[in-house]
Amino acid sequence: MKLFIKYMVSLRCKMMVKEELKKLGLNYVIVDLGMVEVLEDITSDQRDQLSKNLLKSGLELLEDKKSILIEKIKNVITEMIHYSDELPNVNYSDYISEKLGYDYTYLANTFSEVTGITIQRYIIIHKIERVKELILYDELSLSEISYKLHYSSPSHLSNQFKKITGLTPSFYKKMKQKRDRNLENM
């Protein structure tokens, strides 16, 4: 039996969900971002208890099909941008459509209707979050980050970064370095 969980986006979330399943005596096959597969059917009491326990940690057990689909879309995008070494070399629309087995137009319309933003905007926001991480790691130049995340140029990345954050990448990096120096001097 598959269960779908909203806001489950990190390894810490996965560990927490595994712990909650153990507490309820539920055996799982897979605990992945946004999805859990348990071996047996769960009772309504177990489902209610799991739902309550997850809510305490900011996670939500999903019930309706549209919410489940939106979470699947978000999880594909999160995995693609944050947990893959390389972004796919195909259009994101083709990639998402292929991963989920739905027509992209249907996915895009449903996503926009439910979330109020487009899938493309959601991807851009997550790409900029990934850029922030990579800037903070300080292992790659802006050109290398631009190439890694499939931007046409460092200036394209910089423009998009500024539109989303209000800051240039170099200013963002300087702020981080200044904060680090201040922490060292405490």
N, C-alpha and C. Protein backbone atom coordinates (compact mmCIF):
# COMPACT_ATOMS: atom_id res chain seq x y z
N MET A 1 0.85 -1.18 0.00
CA MET A 1 0.00 0.00 0.00
C MET A 1 0.89 1.24 0.00
N LYS A 2 0.58 2.19 -0.89
CA LYS A 2 1.36 3.43 -0.97
C LYS A 2 0.64 4.54 -0.22
N LEU A 3 1.44 5.32 0.51
CA LEU A 3 0.96 6.51 1.20
C LEU A 3 1.77 7.68 0.68
N PHE A 4 1.12 8.83 0.56
CA PHE A 4 1.81 10.02 0.06
C PHE A 4 1.82 11.09 1.14
N ILE A 5 3.00 11.71 1.29
CA ILE A 5 3.21 12.64 2.40
C ILE A 5 3.70 13.98 1.86
N LYS A 6 3.02 15.04 2.26
CA LYS A 6 3.35 16.40 1.84
C LYS A 6 4.46 16.98 2.71
N TYR A 7 5.32 17.77 2.11
CA TYR A 7 6.44 18.47 2.76
C TYR A 7 7.59 17.52 3.13
N MET A 8 7.61 16.33 2.62
CA MET A 8 8.68 15.37 2.91
C MET A 8 9.77 15.58 1.86
N VAL A 9 10.79 16.39 2.21
CA VAL A 9 11.75 16.80 1.19
C VAL A 9 13.20 16.56 1.56
N SER A 10 13.46 15.90 2.68
CA SER A 10 14.87 15.74 3.07
C SER A 10 15.10 14.36 3.67
N LEU A 11 16.36 14.04 3.84
CA LEU A 11 16.72 12.78 4.48
C LEU A 11 16.24 12.73 5.92
N ARG A 12 16.25 13.87 6.59
CA ARG A 12 15.76 13.94 7.97
C ARG A 12 14.28 13.59 8.02
N CYS A 13 13.52 14.08 7.04
CA CYS A 13 12.09 13.76 6.97
C CYS A 13 11.90 12.25 6.79
N LYS A 14 12.72 11.66 5.93
CA LYS A 14 12.61 10.22 5.70
C LYS A 14 12.88 9.44 6.99
N MET A 15 13.89 9.84 7.74
CA MET A 15 14.21 9.16 8.99
C MET A 15 13.06 9.30 9.99
N MET A 16 12.48 10.48 10.05
CA MET A 16 11.38 10.72 10.98
C MET A 16 10.17 9.87 10.62
N VAL A 17 9.86 9.76 9.33
CA VAL A 17 8.72 8.95 8.88
C VAL A 17 8.96 7.48 9.20
N LYS A 18 10.19 7.00 8.98
CA LYS A 18 10.51 5.61 9.32
C LYS A 18 10.26 5.35 10.80
N GLU A 19 10.65 6.29 11.64
CA GLU A 19 10.46 6.15 13.08
C GLU A 19 8.97 6.09 13.44
N GLU A 20 8.17 6.94 12.81
CA GLU A 20 6.73 6.94 13.07
C GLU A 20 6.09 5.63 12.62
N LEU A 21 6.55 5.09 11.49
CA LEU A 21 6.03 3.81 11.02
C LEU A 21 6.37 2.68 11.99
N LYS A 22 7.60 2.70 12.51
CA LYS A 22 8.02 1.69 13.49
C LYS A 22 7.15 1.76 14.74
N LYS A 23 6.89 2.99 15.22
CA LYS A 23 6.07 3.16 16.42
C LYS A 23 4.69 2.52 16.26
N LEU A 24 4.16 2.57 15.03
CA LEU A 24 2.84 2.02 14.77
C LEU A 24 2.88 0.55 14.35
N GLY A 25 4.10 -0.02 14.33
CA GLY A 25 4.25 -1.43 13.96
C GLY A 25 4.00 -1.68 12.48
N LEU A 26 4.22 -0.68 11.66
CA LEU A 26 4.02 -0.83 10.22
C LEU A 26 5.34 -1.13 9.54
N ASN A 27 5.35 -2.19 8.75
CA ASN A 27 6.55 -2.59 8.01
C ASN A 27 6.54 -1.91 6.65
N TYR A 28 7.63 -1.25 6.31
CA TYR A 28 7.69 -0.53 5.05
C TYR A 28 8.68 -1.19 4.10
N VAL A 29 8.39 -1.02 2.83
CA VAL A 29 9.28 -1.50 1.77
C VAL A 29 10.18 -0.35 1.34
N ILE A 30 9.55 0.80 1.13
CA ILE A 30 10.26 1.99 0.63
C ILE A 30 9.80 3.21 1.41
N VAL A 31 10.73 4.04 1.79
CA VAL A 31 10.42 5.37 2.30
C VAL A 31 11.23 6.32 1.42
N ASP A 32 10.53 7.03 0.55
CA ASP A 32 11.19 7.93 -0.38
C ASP A 32 10.59 9.32 -0.20
N LEU A 33 11.16 10.30 -0.88
CA LEU A 33 10.65 11.67 -0.76
C LEU A 33 9.19 11.70 -1.18
N GLY A 34 8.32 12.02 -0.24
CA GLY A 34 6.91 12.17 -0.53
C GLY A 34 6.10 10.89 -0.62
N MET A 35 6.74 9.73 -0.48
CA MET A 35 6.02 8.48 -0.68
C MET A 35 6.55 7.38 0.23
N VAL A 36 5.63 6.60 0.76
CA VAL A 36 5.97 5.45 1.59
C VAL A 36 5.19 4.26 1.06
N GLU A 37 5.84 3.14 0.96
CA GLU A 37 5.14 1.91 0.61
C GLU A 37 5.24 0.96 1.80
N VAL A 38 4.07 0.61 2.35
CA VAL A 38 4.03 -0.31 3.49
C VAL A 38 3.58 -1.68 2.99
N LEU A 39 4.01 -2.73 3.71
CA LEU A 39 3.73 -4.10 3.28
C LEU A 39 2.25 -4.46 3.40
N GLU A 40 1.64 -4.02 4.48
CA GLU A 40 0.26 -4.43 4.73
C GLU A 40 -0.70 -3.23 4.60
N ASP A 41 -1.98 -3.54 4.48
CA ASP A 41 -2.98 -2.47 4.52
C ASP A 41 -2.99 -1.91 5.94
N ILE A 42 -3.22 -0.62 6.06
CA ILE A 42 -3.26 -0.04 7.39
C ILE A 42 -4.71 0.24 7.78
N THR A 43 -4.97 0.15 9.04
CA THR A 43 -6.32 0.40 9.54
C THR A 43 -6.58 1.90 9.55
N SER A 44 -7.84 2.27 9.68
CA SER A 44 -8.16 3.70 9.74
C SER A 44 -7.59 4.32 11.01
N ASP A 45 -7.54 3.53 12.11
CA ASP A 45 -6.93 4.03 13.35
C ASP A 45 -5.44 4.30 13.16
N GLN A 46 -4.74 3.37 12.50
CA GLN A 46 -3.31 3.55 12.24
C GLN A 46 -3.08 4.76 11.33
N ARG A 47 -3.93 4.91 10.32
CA ARG A 47 -3.82 6.04 9.39
C ARG A 47 -4.02 7.36 10.14
N ASP A 48 -5.05 7.41 10.99
CA ASP A 48 -5.32 8.62 11.78
C ASP A 48 -4.15 8.94 12.70
N GLN A 49 -3.61 7.92 13.37
CA GLN A 49 -2.50 8.14 14.29
C GLN A 49 -1.25 8.60 13.53
N LEU A 50 -0.98 7.96 12.39
CA LEU A 50 0.17 8.36 11.58
C LEU A 50 0.00 9.81 11.13
N SER A 51 -1.20 10.15 10.69
CA SER A 51 -1.47 11.51 10.25
C SER A 51 -1.22 12.52 11.37
N LYS A 52 -1.70 12.24 12.57
CA LYS A 52 -1.49 13.13 13.73
C LYS A 52 -0.01 13.25 14.06
N ASN A 53 0.69 12.11 14.08
CA ASN A 53 2.12 12.13 14.42
C ASN A 53 2.94 12.90 13.38
N LEU A 54 2.59 12.74 12.11
CA LEU A 54 3.32 13.46 11.05
C LEU A 54 3.07 14.96 11.14
N LEU A 55 1.83 15.35 11.44
CA LEU A 55 1.50 16.77 11.55
C LEU A 55 2.35 17.47 12.61
N LYS A 56 2.66 16.76 13.70
CA LYS A 56 3.49 17.34 14.76
C LYS A 56 4.87 17.73 14.24
N SER A 57 5.31 17.05 13.19
CA SER A 57 6.63 17.34 12.61
C SER A 57 6.53 18.17 11.34
N GLY A 58 5.34 18.69 11.05
CA GLY A 58 5.18 19.54 9.88
C GLY A 58 4.93 18.79 8.58
N LEU A 59 4.64 17.50 8.68
CA LEU A 59 4.35 16.70 7.48
C LEU A 59 2.86 16.40 7.44
N GLU A 60 2.36 16.12 6.24
CA GLU A 60 0.93 15.92 6.10
C GLU A 60 0.66 14.70 5.23
N LEU A 61 -0.14 13.77 5.74
CA LEU A 61 -0.56 12.60 4.99
C LEU A 61 -1.62 13.05 3.99
N LEU A 62 -1.40 12.77 2.72
CA LEU A 62 -2.30 13.25 1.67
C LEU A 62 -3.40 12.23 1.38
N GLU A 63 -4.56 12.76 1.04
CA GLU A 63 -5.71 11.90 0.76
C GLU A 63 -6.21 12.05 -0.68
N ASP A 64 -6.33 13.29 -1.19
CA ASP A 64 -6.96 13.46 -2.50
C ASP A 64 -5.96 13.35 -3.64
N LYS A 65 -6.45 12.92 -4.79
CA LYS A 65 -5.60 12.61 -5.94
C LYS A 65 -4.82 13.82 -6.47
N LYS A 66 -5.44 15.00 -6.50
CA LYS A 66 -4.73 16.18 -7.01
C LYS A 66 -3.56 16.54 -6.10
N SER A 67 -3.77 16.51 -4.79
CA SER A 67 -2.70 16.82 -3.84
C SER A 67 -1.56 15.82 -3.98
N ILE A 68 -1.91 14.57 -4.17
CA ILE A 68 -0.88 13.53 -4.34
C ILE A 68 -0.08 13.80 -5.61
N LEU A 69 -0.77 14.14 -6.70
CA LEU A 69 -0.07 14.43 -7.95
C LEU A 69 0.85 15.63 -7.82
N ILE A 70 0.39 16.69 -7.15
CA ILE A 70 1.21 17.88 -6.95
C ILE A 70 2.48 17.51 -6.17
N GLU A 71 2.34 16.72 -5.13
CA GLU A 71 3.51 16.30 -4.35
C GLU A 71 4.46 15.47 -5.18
N LYS A 72 3.92 14.62 -6.05
CA LYS A 72 4.78 13.83 -6.94
C LYS A 72 5.58 14.75 -7.86
N ILE A 73 4.91 15.76 -8.41
CA ILE A 73 5.60 16.72 -9.29
C ILE A 73 6.70 17.43 -8.51
N LYS A 74 6.37 17.93 -7.33
CA LYS A 74 7.36 18.63 -6.51
C LYS A 74 8.53 17.73 -6.16
N ASN A 75 8.26 16.46 -5.86
CA ASN A 75 9.34 15.54 -5.50
C ASN A 75 10.24 15.23 -6.68
N VAL A 76 9.67 15.09 -7.87
CA VAL A 76 10.49 14.87 -9.07
C VAL A 76 11.42 16.06 -9.28
N ILE A 77 10.88 17.26 -9.13
CA ILE A 77 11.68 18.48 -9.31
C ILE A 77 12.75 18.58 -8.23
N THR A 78 12.40 18.32 -6.98
CA THR A 78 13.37 18.38 -5.88
C THR A 78 14.50 17.38 -6.09
N GLU A 79 14.15 16.15 -6.44
CA GLU A 79 15.18 15.14 -6.69
C GLU A 79 16.06 15.54 -7.87
N MET A 80 15.43 16.04 -8.94
CA MET A 80 16.16 16.41 -10.15
C MET A 80 17.17 17.53 -9.84
N ILE A 81 16.77 18.52 -9.08
CA ILE A 81 17.63 19.70 -8.87
C ILE A 81 18.58 19.54 -7.69
N HIS A 82 18.10 18.99 -6.60
CA HIS A 82 18.89 18.96 -5.37
C HIS A 82 19.66 17.66 -5.13
N TYR A 83 19.20 16.55 -5.68
CA TYR A 83 19.82 15.27 -5.35
C TYR A 83 20.47 14.56 -6.53
N SER A 84 20.47 15.16 -7.70
CA SER A 84 21.13 14.57 -8.86
C SER A 84 22.46 15.27 -9.08
N ASP A 85 23.45 14.51 -9.50
CA ASP A 85 24.73 15.12 -9.82
C ASP A 85 24.63 15.96 -11.09
N GLU A 86 23.81 15.49 -12.01
CA GLU A 86 23.63 16.18 -13.29
C GLU A 86 22.15 16.39 -13.54
N LEU A 87 21.78 17.55 -14.03
CA LEU A 87 20.40 17.76 -14.46
C LEU A 87 20.19 17.00 -15.76
N PRO A 88 18.97 16.58 -16.05
CA PRO A 88 18.73 15.83 -17.29
C PRO A 88 19.01 16.70 -18.51
N ASN A 89 19.44 16.05 -19.59
CA ASN A 89 19.75 16.77 -20.82
C ASN A 89 18.53 16.93 -21.72
N VAL A 90 17.36 16.52 -21.25
CA VAL A 90 16.12 16.71 -22.00
C VAL A 90 15.37 17.89 -21.40
N ASN A 91 14.33 18.33 -22.10
CA ASN A 91 13.48 19.39 -21.55
C ASN A 91 12.91 18.92 -20.23
N TYR A 92 12.79 19.85 -19.29
CA TYR A 92 12.22 19.50 -17.99
C TYR A 92 10.81 18.96 -18.15
N SER A 93 10.06 19.53 -19.09
CA SER A 93 8.68 19.08 -19.30
C SER A 93 8.67 17.61 -19.73
N ASP A 94 9.56 17.23 -20.64
CA ASP A 94 9.64 15.82 -21.07
C ASP A 94 10.06 14.93 -19.91
N TYR A 95 11.02 15.39 -19.14
CA TYR A 95 11.53 14.61 -18.01
C TYR A 95 10.44 14.36 -16.97
N ILE A 96 9.72 15.41 -16.59
CA ILE A 96 8.67 15.28 -15.57
C ILE A 96 7.54 14.41 -16.09
N SER A 97 7.15 14.63 -17.33
CA SER A 97 6.09 13.86 -17.95
C SER A 97 6.45 12.37 -18.00
N GLU A 98 7.67 12.08 -18.39
CA GLU A 98 8.13 10.69 -18.47
C GLU A 98 8.20 10.04 -17.09
N LYS A 99 8.72 10.76 -16.11
CA LYS A 99 8.84 10.22 -14.75
C LYS A 99 7.49 9.88 -14.14
N LEU A 100 6.47 10.71 -14.43
CA LEU A 100 5.17 10.53 -13.79
C LEU A 100 4.15 9.81 -14.67
N GLY A 101 4.46 9.69 -15.96
CA GLY A 101 3.56 8.96 -16.85
C GLY A 101 2.28 9.72 -17.19
N TYR A 102 2.36 11.05 -17.19
CA TYR A 102 1.21 11.89 -17.53
C TYR A 102 1.62 12.87 -18.61
N ASP A 103 0.64 13.34 -19.38
CA ASP A 103 0.86 14.38 -20.35
C ASP A 103 1.28 15.66 -19.62
N TYR A 104 2.30 16.34 -20.12
CA TYR A 104 2.83 17.51 -19.43
C TYR A 104 1.79 18.63 -19.32
N THR A 105 0.97 18.82 -20.33
CA THR A 105 -0.04 19.88 -20.28
C THR A 105 -0.98 19.64 -19.10
N TYR A 106 -1.38 18.40 -18.91
CA TYR A 106 -2.25 18.06 -17.77
C TYR A 106 -1.53 18.35 -16.45
N LEU A 107 -0.27 17.93 -16.36
CA LEU A 107 0.51 18.17 -15.14
C LEU A 107 0.64 19.67 -14.87
N ALA A 108 0.98 20.42 -15.91
CA ALA A 108 1.21 21.87 -15.76
C ALA A 108 -0.08 22.58 -15.35
N ASN A 109 -1.18 22.22 -15.98
CA ASN A 109 -2.46 22.87 -15.65
C ASN A 109 -2.89 22.54 -14.23
N THR A 110 -2.76 21.28 -13.84
CA THR A 110 -3.14 20.87 -12.49
C THR A 110 -2.25 21.56 -11.46
N PHE A 111 -0.95 21.61 -11.72
CA PHE A 111 0.00 22.24 -10.80
C PHE A 111 -0.35 23.71 -10.60
N SER A 112 -0.56 24.42 -11.69
CA SER A 112 -0.88 25.86 -11.61
C SER A 112 -2.20 26.09 -10.89
N GLU A 113 -3.18 25.25 -11.20
CA GLU A 113 -4.51 25.39 -10.59
C GLU A 113 -4.43 25.23 -9.06
N VAL A 114 -3.65 24.25 -8.61
CA VAL A 114 -3.59 23.95 -7.18
C VAL A 114 -2.63 24.87 -6.43
N THR A 115 -1.45 25.15 -7.02
CA THR A 115 -0.42 25.91 -6.29
C THR A 115 -0.44 27.40 -6.56
N GLY A 116 -1.00 27.81 -7.69
CA GLY A 116 -1.00 29.24 -8.03
C GLY A 116 0.26 29.70 -8.72
N ILE A 117 1.21 28.80 -8.96
CA ILE A 117 2.41 29.14 -9.75
C ILE A 117 2.62 28.06 -10.81
N THR A 118 3.41 28.38 -11.81
CA THR A 118 3.67 27.40 -12.87
C THR A 118 4.77 26.43 -12.43
N ILE A 119 4.82 25.30 -13.10
CA ILE A 119 5.90 24.35 -12.84
C ILE A 119 7.23 25.02 -13.16
N GLN A 120 7.28 25.79 -14.24
CA GLN A 120 8.53 26.46 -14.63
C GLN A 120 9.01 27.39 -13.52
N ARG A 121 8.11 28.15 -12.94
CA ARG A 121 8.47 29.07 -11.84
C ARG A 121 8.98 28.27 -10.64
N TYR A 122 8.32 27.16 -10.34
CA TYR A 122 8.74 26.30 -9.24
C TYR A 122 10.16 25.76 -9.48
N ILE A 123 10.44 25.37 -10.72
CA ILE A 123 11.77 24.88 -11.08
C ILE A 123 12.80 25.99 -10.90
N ILE A 124 12.50 27.19 -11.37
CA ILE A 124 13.43 28.32 -11.24
C ILE A 124 13.73 28.59 -9.77
N ILE A 125 12.70 28.61 -8.94
CA ILE A 125 12.90 28.86 -7.51
C ILE A 125 13.83 27.80 -6.91
N HIS A 126 13.63 26.55 -7.29
CA HIS A 126 14.49 25.49 -6.75
C HIS A 126 15.91 25.54 -7.32
N LYS A 127 16.03 25.93 -8.58
CA LYS A 127 17.36 26.09 -9.14
C LYS A 127 18.13 27.18 -8.41
N ILE A 128 17.45 28.28 -8.08
CA ILE A 128 18.11 29.37 -7.36
C ILE A 128 18.49 28.91 -5.94
N GLU A 129 17.65 28.10 -5.30
CA GLU A 129 18.01 27.53 -3.99
C GLU A 129 19.25 26.67 -4.12
N ARG A 130 19.35 25.91 -5.20
CA ARG A 130 20.53 25.06 -5.44
C ARG A 130 21.76 25.95 -5.69
N VAL A 131 21.57 27.04 -6.43
CA VAL A 131 22.68 27.97 -6.68
C VAL A 131 23.18 28.51 -5.35
N LYS A 132 22.27 28.88 -4.46
CA LYS A 132 22.67 29.38 -3.13
C LYS A 132 23.52 28.35 -2.40
N GLU A 133 23.08 27.10 -2.41
CA GLU A 133 23.86 26.03 -1.76
C GLU A 133 25.25 25.95 -2.35
N LEU A 134 25.32 25.93 -3.68
CA LEU A 134 26.61 25.78 -4.35
C LEU A 134 27.51 26.98 -4.09
N ILE A 135 26.93 28.17 -4.01
CA ILE A 135 27.73 29.37 -3.68
C ILE A 135 28.29 29.23 -2.27
N LEU A 136 27.46 28.77 -1.35
CA LEU A 136 27.90 28.64 0.05
C LEU A 136 28.97 27.56 0.21
N TYR A 137 28.89 26.49 -0.59
CA TYR A 137 29.93 25.45 -0.53
C TYR A 137 31.28 26.00 -0.99
N ASP A 138 31.23 27.02 -1.87
CA ASP A 138 32.43 27.71 -2.35
C ASP A 138 33.42 26.77 -3.04
N GLU A 139 32.89 25.77 -3.75
CA GLU A 139 33.77 24.84 -4.47
C GLU A 139 33.76 25.09 -5.98
N LEU A 140 32.71 25.76 -6.47
CA LEU A 140 32.57 25.99 -7.91
C LEU A 140 32.49 27.48 -8.19
N SER A 141 33.01 27.87 -9.35
CA SER A 141 32.86 29.27 -9.79
C SER A 141 31.44 29.46 -10.30
N LEU A 142 31.06 30.71 -10.50
CA LEU A 142 29.73 31.00 -11.03
C LEU A 142 29.57 30.39 -12.42
N SER A 143 30.62 30.39 -13.21
CA SER A 143 30.56 29.78 -14.55
C SER A 143 30.31 28.28 -14.44
N GLU A 144 30.98 27.63 -13.49
CA GLU A 144 30.79 26.18 -13.31
C GLU A 144 29.38 25.87 -12.80
N ILE A 145 28.88 26.71 -11.89
CA ILE A 145 27.51 26.53 -11.39
C ILE A 145 26.52 26.72 -12.53
N SER A 146 26.75 27.74 -13.34
CA SER A 146 25.91 28.03 -14.48
C SER A 146 25.85 26.82 -15.42
N TYR A 147 26.99 26.25 -15.71
CA TYR A 147 27.07 25.08 -16.60
C TYR A 147 26.37 23.88 -15.96
N LYS A 148 26.64 23.65 -14.68
CA LYS A 148 26.08 22.49 -13.97
C LYS A 148 24.55 22.52 -13.95
N LEU A 149 23.97 23.72 -13.83
CA LEU A 149 22.52 23.84 -13.72
C LEU A 149 21.86 24.23 -15.06
N HIS A 150 22.62 24.10 -16.15
CA HIS A 150 22.12 24.28 -17.52
C HIS A 150 21.62 25.69 -17.81
N TYR A 151 22.29 26.69 -17.26
CA TYR A 151 22.00 28.06 -17.65
C TYR A 151 22.75 28.36 -18.94
N SER A 152 22.22 29.24 -19.76
CA SER A 152 22.87 29.54 -21.03
C SER A 152 24.19 30.30 -20.82
N SER A 153 24.29 31.02 -19.69
CA SER A 153 25.52 31.77 -19.40
C SER A 153 25.51 32.18 -17.93
N PRO A 154 26.67 32.55 -17.39
CA PRO A 154 26.71 33.07 -16.01
C PRO A 154 25.84 34.32 -15.84
N SER A 155 25.76 35.16 -16.89
CA SER A 155 24.94 36.37 -16.77
C SER A 155 23.45 36.02 -16.70
N HIS A 156 23.03 34.99 -17.42
CA HIS A 156 21.64 34.54 -17.32
C HIS A 156 21.34 34.06 -15.90
N LEU A 157 22.25 33.28 -15.34
CA LEU A 157 22.10 32.82 -13.96
C LEU A 157 22.03 34.02 -13.01
N SER A 158 22.94 34.96 -13.18
CA SER A 158 22.98 36.15 -12.31
C SER A 158 21.69 36.94 -12.38
N ASN A 159 21.17 37.12 -13.59
CA ASN A 159 19.92 37.87 -13.76
C ASN A 159 18.76 37.16 -13.07
N GLN A 160 18.68 35.84 -13.25
CA GLN A 160 17.61 35.08 -12.62
C GLN A 160 17.76 35.07 -11.09
N PHE A 161 18.99 34.96 -10.63
CA PHE A 161 19.27 34.98 -9.19
C PHE A 161 18.79 36.29 -8.58
N LYS A 162 19.11 37.40 -9.27
CA LYS A 162 18.72 38.72 -8.75
C LYS A 162 17.20 38.89 -8.77
N LYS A 163 16.53 38.39 -9.82
CA LYS A 163 15.07 38.49 -9.88
C LYS A 163 14.42 37.77 -8.70
N ILE A 164 14.97 36.62 -8.34
CA ILE A 164 14.36 35.80 -7.28
C ILE A 164 14.75 36.29 -5.89
N THR A 165 16.03 36.62 -5.68
CA THR A 165 16.52 36.95 -4.33
C THR A 165 16.63 38.45 -4.07
N GLY A 166 16.72 39.24 -5.14
CA GLY A 166 16.95 40.67 -4.96
C GLY A 166 18.43 41.00 -4.80
N LEU A 167 19.28 39.98 -4.84
CA LEU A 167 20.73 40.15 -4.67
C LEU A 167 21.47 39.57 -5.86
N THR A 168 22.69 40.06 -6.08
CA THR A 168 23.54 39.42 -7.08
C THR A 168 24.22 38.22 -6.40
N PRO A 169 24.65 37.23 -7.17
CA PRO A 169 25.35 36.10 -6.58
C PRO A 169 26.62 36.53 -5.82
N SER A 170 27.34 37.50 -6.36
CA SER A 170 28.58 37.93 -5.69
C SER A 170 28.26 38.63 -4.36
N PHE A 171 27.20 39.42 -4.32
CA PHE A 171 26.81 40.07 -3.06
C PHE A 171 26.35 39.03 -2.05
N TYR A 172 25.61 38.03 -2.52
CA TYR A 172 25.16 36.94 -1.65
C TYR A 172 26.36 36.22 -1.03
N LYS A 173 27.37 35.96 -1.86
CA LYS A 173 28.58 35.29 -1.37
C LYS A 173 29.33 36.17 -0.36
N LYS A 174 29.42 37.46 -0.62
CA LYS A 174 30.09 38.39 0.31
C LYS A 174 29.37 38.44 1.64
N MET A 175 28.03 38.43 1.60
CA MET A 175 27.25 38.42 2.85
C MET A 175 27.57 37.18 3.67
N LYS A 176 27.69 36.05 3.01
CA LYS A 176 28.00 34.79 3.70
C LYS A 176 29.40 34.86 4.32
N GLN A 177 30.36 35.38 3.55
CA GLN A 177 31.72 35.49 4.06
C GLN A 177 31.79 36.44 5.25
N LYS A 178 31.06 37.56 5.17
CA LYS A 178 31.04 38.51 6.28
C LYS A 178 30.43 37.88 7.52
N ARG A 179 29.33 37.13 7.34
CA ARG A 179 28.68 36.45 8.46
C ARG A 179 29.63 35.43 9.10
N ASP A 180 30.36 34.70 8.26
CA ASP A 180 31.33 33.72 8.77
C ASP A 180 32.42 34.40 9.60
N ARG A 181 32.94 35.54 9.09
CA ARG A 181 33.98 36.27 9.82
C ARG A 181 33.43 36.77 11.18
N ASN A 182 32.21 37.27 11.17
CA ASN A 182 31.60 37.75 12.41
C ASN A 182 31.43 36.61 13.43
N LEU A 183 31.08 35.44 12.94
CA LEU A 183 30.92 34.28 13.83
C LEU A 183 32.28 33.85 14.42
N GLU A 184 33.32 33.95 13.58
CA GLU A 184 34.67 33.58 14.04
C GLU A 184 35.16 34.53 15.13
N ASN A 185 34.77 35.80 15.05
CA ASN A 185 35.24 36.81 15.99
C ASN A 185 34.43 36.84 17.29
N MET A 186 33.45 35.99 17.41
CA MET A 186 32.65 35.98 18.64
C MET A 186 33.36 35.23 19.74
